[in-house]
Amino acid sequence: MNCSHTDTSSPLRRSEFYDRSFISLGGSNRDVEVPSIRIMQWNILAQGFVPLDEFVHCPSAILDMESRCTQIAAEVNRFSPDVVCLQEADVHEQVLRHLNKTHDIYELQFRPKDNSPCLGIPDNMGPDGVAIIFRSDRFVLVHCEDLPLDESNNRTALLCTLRPKDPKIFEQFPLIYMVSVHLKAKAQFTAVRLSQGTFLCNALRTISRRAIVNDYPIPPLFVCGDFNAEPYEPVIQLMRDVACPHGWELKSVYAEAYGGSEPDYTTWKIRGGKRLVEVAEACRTIDYIWYSSNVLRPLGVWSLPTKEEIGPYGLPSTIFPSDHLNLVADFSLNRVSEG
């Protein structure tokens, strides 16, 4: 349906999905002639935060767990990604059950966040954390690894190493590396995010050296996450400049698709409540899909809905179950030619 034709005057409007169009980067949407992989990145909003009732125009009564899990699974099924990287995951098992109701093809790895703020909220679902969901009909899980983001290991990123089942893809890429990461929130923690990003990049360099020894030629790498950092922040510059000797050169696929700049926003929320001094609106770009541009090429991404399509009340809504939009990108699994 075309969301521009819907009534946006009420946060309780009912619709199936926001419109999303495919932005080509030299490829077509799921070209059957090109072996490809589809990646989804999504901070799904921890269910544990819902009882705080902080979304001014979206009361917690319409964010019940069952409805949200159904919507999250519907969004995933809509795009049929091969791999999904999640943050603020605390209903991941429930979402997985929804996904596997029809076709039992998805598997999940989860790492809880130490000292998760969800644990301090009544009726929580347990700690939130990062997760990676992948299609077990296309990939075999070879290895999982925590990547520390600080000295104390209080927060970690999750690395999953996947092996393609398709022999043609396996010839090109015997292994594929996936990372899901969630950096520290709030504006005052710019330095903390930079430190966490430095830990992450150092871990990637170590993995790169290990991959060259064990898995040459070097496997593709995807780093997906909620960085809680806008494009001008030092940690995002760090990701752009990360150099893994004889290894990965990272690019943001959405920046490529949007003409060199990131989208205007990946999260848009209007919040109030006891934890906030006053009602605050936040409309920012803080979610990213980074990929190893020297190893594989992007085919395209799925556009993000405009503010007019979302309506004046921001996210979440009855259409969309999170305060973050999901990012979806397709990549060719033909190796980039050297030189």
C-alpha atoms as a PDB file:
ATOM      1  CA  MET A   1       0.000   0.000   0.000  1.00  0.00           C
ATOM      2  CA  ASN A   2       1.045   3.613  -0.439  1.00  0.00           C
ATOM      3  CA  CYS A   3       1.436   5.185   2.995  1.00  0.00           C
ATOM      4  CA  SER A   4       1.238   8.684   1.537  1.00  0.00           C
ATOM      5  CA  HIS A   5      -2.469   8.027   0.988  1.00  0.00           C
ATOM      6  CA  THR A   6      -3.198   7.049   4.586  1.00  0.00           C
ATOM      7  CA  ASP A   7      -4.523   9.211   7.393  1.00  0.00           C
ATOM      8  CA  THR A   8      -1.526  10.349   9.445  1.00  0.00           C
ATOM      9  CA  SER A   9      -3.523  12.417  11.925  1.00  0.00           C
ATOM     10  CA  SER A  10      -3.743   9.628  14.495  1.00  0.00           C
ATOM     11  CA  PRO A  11      -1.034   7.452  16.029  1.00  0.00           C
ATOM     12  CA  LEU A  12      -3.554   4.610  16.074  1.00  0.00           C
ATOM     13  CA  ARG A  13      -3.863   4.312  12.287  1.00  0.00           C
ATOM     14  CA  ARG A  14      -3.756   0.729  11.045  1.00  0.00           C
ATOM     15  CA  SER A  15      -1.725  -0.406   8.078  1.00  0.00           C
ATOM     16  CA  GLU A  16       0.487  -3.320   7.199  1.00  0.00           C
ATOM     17  CA  PHE A  17       3.836  -1.718   6.328  1.00  0.00           C
ATOM     18  CA  TYR A  18       5.567   1.509   5.428  1.00  0.00           C
ATOM     19  CA  ASP A  19       6.509   1.812   1.772  1.00  0.00           C
ATOM     20  CA  ARG A  20      10.115   0.850   0.977  1.00  0.00           C
ATOM     21  CA  SER A  21      11.704   0.926  -2.472  1.00  0.00           C
ATOM     22  CA  PHE A  22      14.897  -0.712  -3.708  1.00  0.00           C
ATOM     23  CA  ILE A  23      17.780   1.696  -4.388  1.00  0.00           C
ATOM     24  CA  SER A  24      20.101  -0.010  -6.847  1.00  0.00           C
ATOM     25  CA  LEU A  25      23.865   0.208  -6.524  1.00  0.00           C
ATOM     26  CA  GLY A  26      24.481  -1.603  -9.766  1.00  0.00           C
ATOM     27  CA  GLY A  27      22.426  -4.683  -9.078  1.00  0.00           C
ATOM     28  CA  SER A  28      18.783  -5.691  -9.126  1.00  0.00           C
ATOM     29  CA  ASN A  29      16.627  -6.859  -6.250  1.00  0.00           C
ATOM     30  CA  ARG A  30      17.456 -10.545  -5.714  1.00  0.00           C
ATOM     31  CA  ASP A  31      18.870 -11.093  -9.197  1.00  0.00           C
ATOM     32  CA  VAL A  32      18.680 -14.865  -9.634  1.00  0.00           C
ATOM     33  CA  GLU A  33      21.804 -14.752 -11.813  1.00  0.00           C
ATOM     34  CA  VAL A  34      23.926 -13.251  -9.035  1.00  0.00           C
ATOM     35  CA  PRO A  35      24.621 -15.184  -5.813  1.00  0.00           C
ATOM     36  CA  SER A  36      23.803 -12.734  -3.068  1.00  0.00           C
ATOM     37  CA  ILE A  37      23.213 -12.196   0.625  1.00  0.00           C
ATOM     38  CA  ARG A  38      20.599  -9.946   2.233  1.00  0.00           C
ATOM     39  CA  ILE A  39      21.453  -8.323   5.561  1.00  0.00           C
ATOM     40  CA  MET A  40      19.026  -6.659   7.984  1.00  0.00           C
ATOM     41  CA  GLN A  41      20.137  -4.390  10.830  1.00  0.00           C
ATOM     42  CA  TRP A  42      17.609  -3.509  13.536  1.00  0.00           C
ATOM     43  CA  ASN A  43      17.407  -2.170  17.068  1.00  0.00           C
ATOM     44  CA  ILE A  44      14.021  -3.672  17.888  1.00  0.00           C
ATOM     45  CA  LEU A  45      13.376  -1.716  21.151  1.00  0.00           C
ATOM     46  CA  ALA A  46      13.615  -3.840  24.262  1.00  0.00           C
ATOM     47  CA  GLN A  47      10.204  -4.913  25.522  1.00  0.00           C
ATOM     48  CA  GLY A  48      11.538  -4.244  29.013  1.00  0.00           C
ATOM     49  CA  PHE A  49      11.477  -0.498  28.300  1.00  0.00           C
ATOM     50  CA  VAL A  50       7.813  -0.455  27.249  1.00  0.00           C
ATOM     51  CA  PRO A  51       6.362  -0.250  30.826  1.00  0.00           C
ATOM     52  CA  LEU A  52       8.139   3.098  31.267  1.00  0.00           C
ATOM     53  CA  ASP A  53       5.472   4.470  28.896  1.00  0.00           C
ATOM     54  CA  GLU A  54       7.839   7.139  27.572  1.00  0.00           C
ATOM     55  CA  PHE A  55       6.574   7.375  23.995  1.00  0.00           C
ATOM     56  CA  VAL A  56       4.247  10.353  24.147  1.00  0.00           C
ATOM     57  CA  HIS A  57       2.116   9.435  21.135  1.00  0.00           C
ATOM     58  CA  CYS A  58       2.339   5.652  21.379  1.00  0.00           C
ATOM     59  CA  PRO A  59       1.050   4.409  24.742  1.00  0.00           C
ATOM     60  CA  SER A  60       2.444   1.192  26.153  1.00  0.00           C
ATOM     61  CA  ALA A  61      -0.993  -0.438  25.874  1.00  0.00           C
ATOM     62  CA  ILE A  62      -0.538  -0.771  22.108  1.00  0.00           C
ATOM     63  CA  LEU A  63       3.052  -2.044  22.478  1.00  0.00           C
ATOM     64  CA  ASP A  64       2.159  -5.362  24.079  1.00  0.00           C
ATOM     65  CA  MET A  65       4.691  -8.130  23.597  1.00  0.00           C
ATOM     66  CA  GLU A  66       2.625 -10.434  21.406  1.00  0.00           C
ATOM     67  CA  SER A  67       1.655  -7.671  18.973  1.00  0.00           C
ATOM     68  CA  ARG A  68       5.212  -6.394  18.751  1.00  0.00           C
ATOM     69  CA  CYS A  69       6.719  -9.846  18.229  1.00  0.00           C
ATOM     70  CA  THR A  70       4.191 -10.483  15.474  1.00  0.00           C
ATOM     71  CA  GLN A  71       5.089  -7.174  13.817  1.00  0.00           C
ATOM     72  CA  ILE A  72       8.834  -7.720  14.167  1.00  0.00           C
ATOM     73  CA  ALA A  73       8.533 -11.161  12.585  1.00  0.00           C
ATOM     74  CA  ALA A  74       6.335  -9.733   9.824  1.00  0.00           C
ATOM     75  CA  GLU A  75       8.980  -7.112   9.017  1.00  0.00           C
ATOM     76  CA  VAL A  76      11.653  -9.791   8.859  1.00  0.00           C
ATOM     77  CA  ASN A  77       9.482 -12.052   6.708  1.00  0.00           C
ATOM     78  CA  ARG A  78       8.668  -9.130   4.446  1.00  0.00           C
ATOM     79  CA  PHE A  79      12.305  -8.861   3.363  1.00  0.00           C
ATOM     80  CA  SER A  80      13.389 -12.493   3.937  1.00  0.00           C
ATOM     81  CA  PRO A  81      16.931 -11.552   4.971  1.00  0.00           C
ATOM     82  CA  ASP A  82      19.617 -14.191   5.188  1.00  0.00           C
ATOM     83  CA  VAL A  83      21.089 -12.623   8.320  1.00  0.00           C
ATOM     84  CA  VAL A  84      19.509 -10.263  10.877  1.00  0.00           C
ATOM     85  CA  CYS A  85      21.572  -8.317  13.415  1.00  0.00           C
ATOM     86  CA  LEU A  86      19.538  -7.162  16.419  1.00  0.00           C
ATOM     87  CA  GLN A  87      20.139  -4.834  19.339  1.00  0.00           C
ATOM     88  CA  GLU A  88      17.976  -4.299  22.441  1.00  0.00           C
ATOM     89  CA  ALA A  89      16.948  -7.909  21.971  1.00  0.00           C
ATOM     90  CA  ASP A  90      15.027  -9.298  24.942  1.00  0.00           C
ATOM     91  CA  VAL A  91      12.135 -10.992  23.118  1.00  0.00           C
ATOM     92  CA  HIS A  92      14.415 -12.671  20.588  1.00  0.00           C
ATOM     93  CA  GLU A  93      13.229 -16.181  21.425  1.00  0.00           C
ATOM     94  CA  GLN A  94       9.598 -15.146  20.974  1.00  0.00           C
ATOM     95  CA  VAL A  95      10.440 -13.487  17.644  1.00  0.00           C
ATOM     96  CA  LEU A  96      12.309 -16.608  16.537  1.00  0.00           C
ATOM     97  CA  ARG A  97       9.269 -18.764  17.286  1.00  0.00           C
ATOM     98  CA  HIS A  98       7.118 -16.464  15.156  1.00  0.00           C
ATOM     99  CA  LEU A  99       9.638 -16.614  12.309  1.00  0.00           C
ATOM    100  CA  ASN A 100       9.800 -20.394  12.384  1.00  0.00           C
ATOM    101  CA  LYS A 101       6.056 -21.027  12.522  1.00  0.00           C
ATOM    102  CA  THR A 102       5.876 -21.575   8.765  1.00  0.00           C
ATOM    103  CA  HIS A 103       9.410 -22.523   7.764  1.00  0.00           C
ATOM    104  CA  ASP A 104      11.770 -23.712  10.463  1.00  0.00           C
ATOM    105  CA  ILE A 105      14.868 -22.164   8.872  1.00  0.00           C
ATOM    106  CA  TYR A 106      16.120 -19.509  11.286  1.00  0.00           C
ATOM    107  CA  GLU A 107      18.675 -20.002  14.060  1.00  0.00           C
ATOM    108  CA  LEU A 108      19.747 -17.453  16.659  1.00  0.00           C
ATOM    109  CA  GLN A 109      22.749 -16.496  18.754  1.00  0.00           C
ATOM    110  CA  PHE A 110      22.348 -14.027  21.642  1.00  0.00           C
ATOM    111  CA  ARG A 111      24.647 -12.223  24.038  1.00  0.00           C
ATOM    112  CA  PRO A 112      23.019 -10.443  27.016  1.00  0.00           C
ATOM    113  CA  LYS A 113      24.206  -7.043  28.142  1.00  0.00           C
ATOM    114  CA  ASP A 114      25.833  -7.033  31.573  1.00  0.00           C
ATOM    115  CA  ASN A 115      23.999  -4.647  33.903  1.00  0.00           C
ATOM    116  CA  SER A 116      21.166  -4.282  31.399  1.00  0.00           C
ATOM    117  CA  PRO A 117      18.935  -1.335  32.389  1.00  0.00           C
ATOM    118  CA  CYS A 118      15.935  -3.548  31.645  1.00  0.00           C
ATOM    119  CA  LEU A 119      16.645  -5.500  34.824  1.00  0.00           C
ATOM    120  CA  GLY A 120      15.751  -2.471  36.936  1.00  0.00           C
ATOM    121  CA  ILE A 121      12.272  -2.170  35.423  1.00  0.00           C
ATOM    122  CA  PRO A 122       9.336  -4.147  36.889  1.00  0.00           C
ATOM    123  CA  ASP A 123       7.936  -6.987  34.780  1.00  0.00           C
ATOM    124  CA  ASN A 124      11.012  -7.061  32.551  1.00  0.00           C
ATOM    125  CA  MET A 125      11.811  -9.823  30.072  1.00  0.00           C
ATOM    126  CA  GLY A 126      15.358 -10.306  31.334  1.00  0.00           C
ATOM    127  CA  PRO A 127      18.467  -8.510  30.089  1.00  0.00           C
ATOM    128  CA  ASP A 128      18.540  -7.037  26.626  1.00  0.00           C
ATOM    129  CA  GLY A 129      21.499  -7.684  24.366  1.00  0.00           C
ATOM    130  CA  VAL A 130      22.737  -8.228  20.830  1.00  0.00           C
ATOM    131  CA  ALA A 131      21.656 -11.111  18.630  1.00  0.00           C
ATOM    132  CA  ILE A 132      22.299 -12.562  15.204  1.00  0.00           C
ATOM    133  CA  ILE A 133      19.610 -14.554  13.402  1.00  0.00           C
ATOM    134  CA  PHE A 134      20.581 -16.468  10.271  1.00  0.00           C
ATOM    135  CA  ARG A 135      18.999 -18.823   7.767  1.00  0.00           C
ATOM    136  CA  SER A 136      20.126 -22.341   8.581  1.00  0.00           C
ATOM    137  CA  ASP A 137      19.073 -23.549   5.131  1.00  0.00           C
ATOM    138  CA  ARG A 138      21.766 -21.312   3.626  1.00  0.00           C
ATOM    139  CA  PHE A 139      24.477 -21.209   6.293  1.00  0.00           C
ATOM    140  CA  VAL A 140      26.125 -23.337   8.953  1.00  0.00           C
ATOM    141  CA  LEU A 141      27.289 -21.684  12.166  1.00  0.00           C
ATOM    142  CA  VAL A 142      31.011 -22.373  12.498  1.00  0.00           C
ATOM    143  CA  HIS A 143      31.949 -20.234  15.473  1.00  0.00           C
ATOM    144  CA  CYS A 144      30.650 -17.545  17.844  1.00  0.00           C
ATOM    145  CA  GLU A 145      32.862 -15.094  19.670  1.00  0.00           C
ATOM    146  CA  ASP A 146      32.388 -12.189  22.058  1.00  0.00           C
ATOM    147  CA  LEU A 147      34.326  -9.052  21.091  1.00  0.00           C
ATOM    148  CA  PRO A 148      34.980  -6.978  24.247  1.00  0.00           C
ATOM    149  CA  LEU A 149      34.162  -3.276  23.994  1.00  0.00           C
ATOM    150  CA  ASP A 150      35.928  -2.311  27.221  1.00  0.00           C
ATOM    151  CA  GLU A 151      38.578  -3.562  29.636  1.00  0.00           C
ATOM    152  CA  SER A 152      36.044  -5.133  31.985  1.00  0.00           C
ATOM    153  CA  ASN A 153      34.094  -7.050  29.303  1.00  0.00           C
ATOM    154  CA  ASN A 154      30.915  -5.408  30.609  1.00  0.00           C
ATOM    155  CA  ARG A 155      29.768  -4.854  27.043  1.00  0.00           C
ATOM    156  CA  THR A 156      30.615  -7.012  24.048  1.00  0.00           C
ATOM    157  CA  ALA A 157      29.828  -7.238  20.371  1.00  0.00           C
ATOM    158  CA  LEU A 158      28.833 -10.614  18.928  1.00  0.00           C
ATOM    159  CA  LEU A 159      30.761 -12.198  16.052  1.00  0.00           C
ATOM    160  CA  CYS A 160      29.274 -15.152  14.177  1.00  0.00           C
ATOM    161  CA  THR A 161      31.280 -17.015  11.554  1.00  0.00           C
ATOM    162  CA  LEU A 162      29.026 -18.610   8.945  1.00  0.00           C
ATOM    163  CA  ARG A 163      29.799 -21.178   6.247  1.00  0.00           C
ATOM    164  CA  PRO A 164      27.690 -21.061   3.059  1.00  0.00           C
ATOM    165  CA  LYS A 165      25.954 -24.304   2.089  1.00  0.00           C
ATOM    166  CA  ASP A 166      25.804 -23.407  -1.604  1.00  0.00           C
ATOM    167  CA  PRO A 167      28.933 -24.916  -3.240  1.00  0.00           C
ATOM    168  CA  LYS A 168      29.189 -22.035  -5.741  1.00  0.00           C
ATOM    169  CA  ILE A 169      29.212 -19.460  -2.938  1.00  0.00           C
ATOM    170  CA  PHE A 170      31.539 -21.620  -0.845  1.00  0.00           C
ATOM    171  CA  GLU A 171      34.079 -21.523  -3.683  1.00  0.00           C
ATOM    172  CA  GLN A 172      34.136 -17.728  -3.448  1.00  0.00           C
ATOM    173  CA  PHE A 173      33.697 -17.336   0.292  1.00  0.00           C
ATOM    174  CA  PRO A 174      34.248 -20.400   2.512  1.00  0.00           C
ATOM    175  CA  LEU A 175      33.400 -18.216   5.522  1.00  0.00           C
ATOM    176  CA  ILE A 176      31.410 -15.029   6.149  1.00  0.00           C
ATOM    177  CA  TYR A 177      31.890 -12.913   9.280  1.00  0.00           C
ATOM    178  CA  MET A 178      28.921 -11.137  10.901  1.00  0.00           C
ATOM    179  CA  VAL A 179      29.144  -8.688  13.821  1.00  0.00           C
ATOM    180  CA  SER A 180      26.241  -7.215  15.810  1.00  0.00           C
ATOM    181  CA  VAL A 181      27.162  -4.294  18.075  1.00  0.00           C
ATOM    182  CA  HIS A 182      25.432  -1.759  20.333  1.00  0.00           C
ATOM    183  CA  LEU A 183      27.429   1.187  21.680  1.00  0.00           C
ATOM    184  CA  LYS A 184      26.723   3.337  24.738  1.00  0.00           C
ATOM    185  CA  ALA A 185      23.762   5.717  24.475  1.00  0.00           C
ATOM    186  CA  LYS A 186      23.348   9.407  25.437  1.00  0.00           C
ATOM    187  CA  ALA A 187      25.063  12.508  24.082  1.00  0.00           C
ATOM    188  CA  GLN A 188      27.477  12.883  27.008  1.00  0.00           C
ATOM    189  CA  PHE A 189      29.144   9.530  26.267  1.00  0.00           C
ATOM    190  CA  THR A 190      30.892  10.447  23.011  1.00  0.00           C
ATOM    191  CA  ALA A 191      34.279   9.516  24.505  1.00  0.00           C
ATOM    192  CA  VAL A 192      32.951   6.181  25.766  1.00  0.00           C
ATOM    193  CA  ARG A 193      31.631   5.325  22.301  1.00  0.00           C
ATOM    194  CA  LEU A 194      34.989   6.203  20.771  1.00  0.00           C
ATOM    195  CA  SER A 195      36.715   3.937  23.280  1.00  0.00           C
ATOM    196  CA  GLN A 196      34.259   1.118  22.545  1.00  0.00           C
ATOM    197  CA  GLY A 197      34.786   1.617  18.825  1.00  0.00           C
ATOM    198  CA  THR A 198      38.544   1.444  19.329  1.00  0.00           C
ATOM    199  CA  PHE A 199      38.183  -1.879  21.141  1.00  0.00           C
ATOM    200  CA  LEU A 200      35.992  -3.131  18.295  1.00  0.00           C
ATOM    201  CA  CYS A 201      38.430  -2.054  15.581  1.00  0.00           C
ATOM    202  CA  ASN A 202      41.349  -3.621  17.435  1.00  0.00           C
ATOM    203  CA  ALA A 203      39.393  -6.874  17.638  1.00  0.00           C
ATOM    204  CA  LEU A 204      38.682  -6.697  13.903  1.00  0.00           C
ATOM    205  CA  ARG A 205      42.385  -6.261  13.180  1.00  0.00           C
ATOM    206  CA  THR A 206      43.145  -9.350  15.249  1.00  0.00           C
ATOM    207  CA  ILE A 207      40.455 -11.324  13.431  1.00  0.00           C
ATOM    208  CA  SER A 208      41.761 -10.061  10.103  1.00  0.00           C
ATOM    209  CA  ARG A 209      45.260 -11.351  10.831  1.00  0.00           C
ATOM    210  CA  ARG A 210      43.821 -14.672  11.963  1.00  0.00           C
ATOM    211  CA  ALA A 211      41.631 -14.922   8.868  1.00  0.00           C
ATOM    212  CA  ILE A 212      44.546 -14.308   6.536  1.00  0.00           C
ATOM    213  CA  VAL A 213      46.461 -17.179   8.115  1.00  0.00           C
ATOM    214  CA  ASN A 214      43.561 -19.632   8.292  1.00  0.00           C
ATOM    215  CA  ASP A 215      41.044 -18.657   5.642  1.00  0.00           C
ATOM    216  CA  TYR A 216      42.851 -16.941   2.816  1.00  0.00           C
ATOM    217  CA  PRO A 217      41.458 -15.357   0.691  1.00  0.00           C
ATOM    218  CA  ILE A 218      40.030 -13.045   3.318  1.00  0.00           C
ATOM    219  CA  PRO A 219      36.310 -13.596   4.102  1.00  0.00           C
ATOM    220  CA  PRO A 220      33.630 -10.907   3.777  1.00  0.00           C
ATOM    221  CA  LEU A 221      32.878  -8.924   6.931  1.00  0.00           C
ATOM    222  CA  PHE A 222      29.669  -7.162   7.946  1.00  0.00           C
ATOM    223  CA  VAL A 223      29.509  -4.945  11.039  1.00  0.00           C
ATOM    224  CA  CYS A 224      25.922  -3.989  11.830  1.00  0.00           C
ATOM    225  CA  GLY A 225      24.700  -2.042  14.782  1.00  0.00           C
ATOM    226  CA  ASP A 226      23.215   0.804  16.721  1.00  0.00           C
ATOM    227  CA  PHE A 227      26.280   2.969  17.297  1.00  0.00           C
ATOM    228  CA  ASN A 228      24.285   5.677  19.123  1.00  0.00           C
ATOM    229  CA  ALA A 229      26.481   8.069  17.151  1.00  0.00           C
ATOM    230  CA  GLU A 230      25.642  10.436  14.330  1.00  0.00           C
ATOM    231  CA  PRO A 231      27.841  10.484  11.208  1.00  0.00           C
ATOM    232  CA  TYR A 232      30.008  13.366  12.467  1.00  0.00           C
ATOM    233  CA  GLU A 233      31.002  11.617  15.713  1.00  0.00           C
ATOM    234  CA  PRO A 234      34.609  10.405  16.123  1.00  0.00           C
ATOM    235  CA  VAL A 235      33.598   6.743  16.426  1.00  0.00           C
ATOM    236  CA  ILE A 236      31.941   6.825  12.994  1.00  0.00           C
ATOM    237  CA  GLN A 237      35.022   8.443  11.500  1.00  0.00           C
ATOM    238  CA  LEU A 238      37.020   5.677  13.165  1.00  0.00           C
ATOM    239  CA  MET A 239      34.884   3.039  11.438  1.00  0.00           C
ATOM    240  CA  ARG A 240      35.389   4.760   8.084  1.00  0.00           C
ATOM    241  CA  ASP A 241      39.140   4.850   8.610  1.00  0.00           C
ATOM    242  CA  VAL A 242      39.597   1.392  10.101  1.00  0.00           C
ATOM    243  CA  ALA A 243      42.559  -0.298   8.494  1.00  0.00           C
ATOM    244  CA  CYS A 244      43.099  -4.025   8.857  1.00  0.00           C
ATOM    245  CA  PRO A 245      46.522  -4.892   7.401  1.00  0.00           C
ATOM    246  CA  HIS A 246      45.955  -6.917   4.219  1.00  0.00           C
ATOM    247  CA  GLY A 247      42.380  -7.191   5.420  1.00  0.00           C
ATOM    248  CA  TRP A 248      39.139  -5.243   5.418  1.00  0.00           C
ATOM    249  CA  GLU A 249      38.289  -1.755   4.220  1.00  0.00           C
ATOM    250  CA  LEU A 250      34.891  -0.794   5.624  1.00  0.00           C
ATOM    251  CA  LYS A 251      32.204   1.336   3.993  1.00  0.00           C
ATOM    252  CA  SER A 252      28.676   2.221   5.052  1.00  0.00           C
ATOM    253  CA  VAL A 253      26.337   0.789   2.440  1.00  0.00           C
ATOM    254  CA  TYR A 254      23.567   3.319   3.164  1.00  0.00           C
ATOM    255  CA  ALA A 255      25.980   6.230   2.720  1.00  0.00           C
ATOM    256  CA  GLU A 256      26.831   4.810  -0.698  1.00  0.00           C
ATOM    257  CA  ALA A 257      23.180   4.449  -1.625  1.00  0.00           C
ATOM    258  CA  TYR A 258      22.321   7.965  -0.423  1.00  0.00           C
ATOM    259  CA  GLY A 259      24.975   9.707  -2.520  1.00  0.00           C
ATOM    260  CA  GLY A 260      27.818   9.760  -0.021  1.00  0.00           C
ATOM    261  CA  SER A 261      25.815  10.858   3.029  1.00  0.00           C
ATOM    262  CA  GLU A 262      23.901   8.755   5.515  1.00  0.00           C
ATOM    263  CA  PRO A 263      20.079   8.883   5.533  1.00  0.00           C
ATOM    264  CA  ASP A 264      18.506  11.814   7.379  1.00  0.00           C
ATOM    265  CA  TYR A 265      17.493   9.554  10.241  1.00  0.00           C
ATOM    266  CA  THR A 266      17.299   5.929  11.346  1.00  0.00           C
ATOM    267  CA  THR A 267      15.451   6.667  14.609  1.00  0.00           C
ATOM    268  CA  TRP A 268      12.715   9.207  15.317  1.00  0.00           C
ATOM    269  CA  LYS A 269      11.078   9.278  18.718  1.00  0.00           C
ATOM    270  CA  ILE A 270       9.155  11.718  20.891  1.00  0.00           C
ATOM    271  CA  ARG A 271       9.525  10.820  24.550  1.00  0.00           C
ATOM    272  CA  GLY A 272       8.518  12.064  27.963  1.00  0.00           C
ATOM    273  CA  GLY A 273       8.201  10.513  31.405  1.00  0.00           C
ATOM    274  CA  LYS A 274       9.785  10.337  34.828  1.00  0.00           C
ATOM    275  CA  ARG A 275      13.317   9.795  33.524  1.00  0.00           C
ATOM    276  CA  LEU A 276      13.164  12.882  31.276  1.00  0.00           C
ATOM    277  CA  VAL A 277      13.050  16.513  32.384  1.00  0.00           C
ATOM    278  CA  GLU A 278      10.732  17.452  29.524  1.00  0.00           C
ATOM    279  CA  VAL A 279       9.278  16.006  26.355  1.00  0.00           C
ATOM    280  CA  ALA A 280      12.141  15.464  23.933  1.00  0.00           C
ATOM    281  CA  GLU A 281      12.179  14.689  20.232  1.00  0.00           C
ATOM    282  CA  ALA A 282      15.145  12.823  18.766  1.00  0.00           C
ATOM    283  CA  CYS A 283      15.491  12.344  15.026  1.00  0.00           C
ATOM    284  CA  ARG A 284      18.968  11.036  14.228  1.00  0.00           C
ATOM    285  CA  THR A 285      21.038   8.672  12.144  1.00  0.00           C
ATOM    286  CA  ILE A 286      22.750   6.220  14.492  1.00  0.00           C
ATOM    287  CA  ASP A 287      22.320   2.788  12.843  1.00  0.00           C
ATOM    288  CA  TYR A 288      24.726   1.437  10.224  1.00  0.00           C
ATOM    289  CA  ILE A 289      25.613  -1.511   8.012  1.00  0.00           C
ATOM    290  CA  TRP A 290      29.367  -1.564   7.386  1.00  0.00           C
ATOM    291  CA  TYR A 291      30.792  -4.011   4.853  1.00  0.00           C
ATOM    292  CA  SER A 292      34.226  -4.995   3.548  1.00  0.00           C
ATOM    293  CA  SER A 293      34.255  -3.028   0.299  1.00  0.00           C
ATOM    294  CA  ASN A 294      37.508  -4.575  -0.911  1.00  0.00           C
ATOM    295  CA  VAL A 295      36.005  -8.067  -0.759  1.00  0.00           C
ATOM    296  CA  LEU A 296      32.453  -7.771  -2.095  1.00  0.00           C
ATOM    297  CA  ARG A 297      30.153  -5.209  -3.682  1.00  0.00           C
ATOM    298  CA  PRO A 298      26.679  -3.996  -2.748  1.00  0.00           C
ATOM    299  CA  LEU A 299      23.734  -4.546  -5.054  1.00  0.00           C
ATOM    300  CA  GLY A 300      21.442  -2.059  -3.336  1.00  0.00           C
ATOM    301  CA  VAL A 301      19.507  -1.081  -0.225  1.00  0.00           C
ATOM    302  CA  TRP A 302      15.890  -0.601   0.742  1.00  0.00           C
ATOM    303  CA  SER A 303      14.868   3.033   1.205  1.00  0.00           C
ATOM    304  CA  LEU A 304      13.672   4.412   4.532  1.00  0.00           C
ATOM    305  CA  PRO A 305      10.176   5.894   4.895  1.00  0.00           C
ATOM    306  CA  THR A 306       9.826   9.664   4.881  1.00  0.00           C
ATOM    307  CA  LYS A 307       8.463  11.649   7.813  1.00  0.00           C
ATOM    308  CA  GLU A 308       5.301  12.242   5.818  1.00  0.00           C
ATOM    309  CA  GLU A 309       4.814   8.498   5.448  1.00  0.00           C
ATOM    310  CA  ILE A 310       5.510   7.865   9.130  1.00  0.00           C
ATOM    311  CA  GLY A 311       3.231  10.694  10.264  1.00  0.00           C
ATOM    312  CA  PRO A 312       3.742  13.456  12.849  1.00  0.00           C
ATOM    313  CA  TYR A 313       4.065  11.200  15.888  1.00  0.00           C
ATOM    314  CA  GLY A 314       7.313   9.431  15.057  1.00  0.00           C
ATOM    315  CA  LEU A 315       8.194   5.903  16.126  1.00  0.00           C
ATOM    316  CA  PRO A 316       7.101   3.419  17.319  1.00  0.00           C
ATOM    317  CA  SER A 317       3.590   3.298  15.924  1.00  0.00           C
ATOM    318  CA  THR A 318       0.907   0.733  15.295  1.00  0.00           C
ATOM    319  CA  ILE A 319       2.522   0.177  11.915  1.00  0.00           C
ATOM    320  CA  PHE A 320       6.055  -0.132  13.205  1.00  0.00           C
ATOM    321  CA  PRO A 321       7.075  -1.850  16.464  1.00  0.00           C
ATOM    322  CA  SER A 322      10.359  -0.058  17.225  1.00  0.00           C
ATOM    323  CA  ASP A 323      11.714   3.459  17.617  1.00  0.00           C
ATOM    324  CA  HIS A 324      14.458   2.504  15.138  1.00  0.00           C
ATOM    325  CA  LEU A 325      13.950   1.736  11.461  1.00  0.00           C
ATOM    326  CA  ASN A 326      15.495  -1.413  10.086  1.00  0.00           C
ATOM    327  CA  LEU A 327      18.198  -1.232   7.423  1.00  0.00           C
ATOM    328  CA  VAL A 328      18.160  -3.820   4.630  1.00  0.00           C
ATOM    329  CA  ALA A 329      20.891  -4.289   2.025  1.00  0.00           C
ATOM    330  CA  ASP A 330      21.774  -6.815  -0.677  1.00  0.00           C
ATOM    331  CA  PHE A 331      25.346  -7.776  -1.560  1.00  0.00           C
ATOM    332  CA  SER A 332      26.825  -9.812  -4.387  1.00  0.00           C
ATOM    333  CA  LEU A 333      28.637 -12.945  -3.281  1.00  0.00           C
ATOM    334  CA  ASN A 334      30.994 -12.802  -6.231  1.00  0.00           C
ATOM    335  CA  ARG A 335      34.413 -11.763  -4.985  1.00  0.00           C
ATOM    336  CA  VAL A 336      35.622  -8.298  -5.996  1.00  0.00           C
ATOM    337  CA  SER A 337      38.466  -8.608  -8.504  1.00  0.00           C
ATOM    338  CA  GLU A 338      41.829  -7.484  -7.181  1.00  0.00           C
ATOM    339  CA  GLY A 339      43.436  -4.492  -8.798  1.00  0.00           C
END
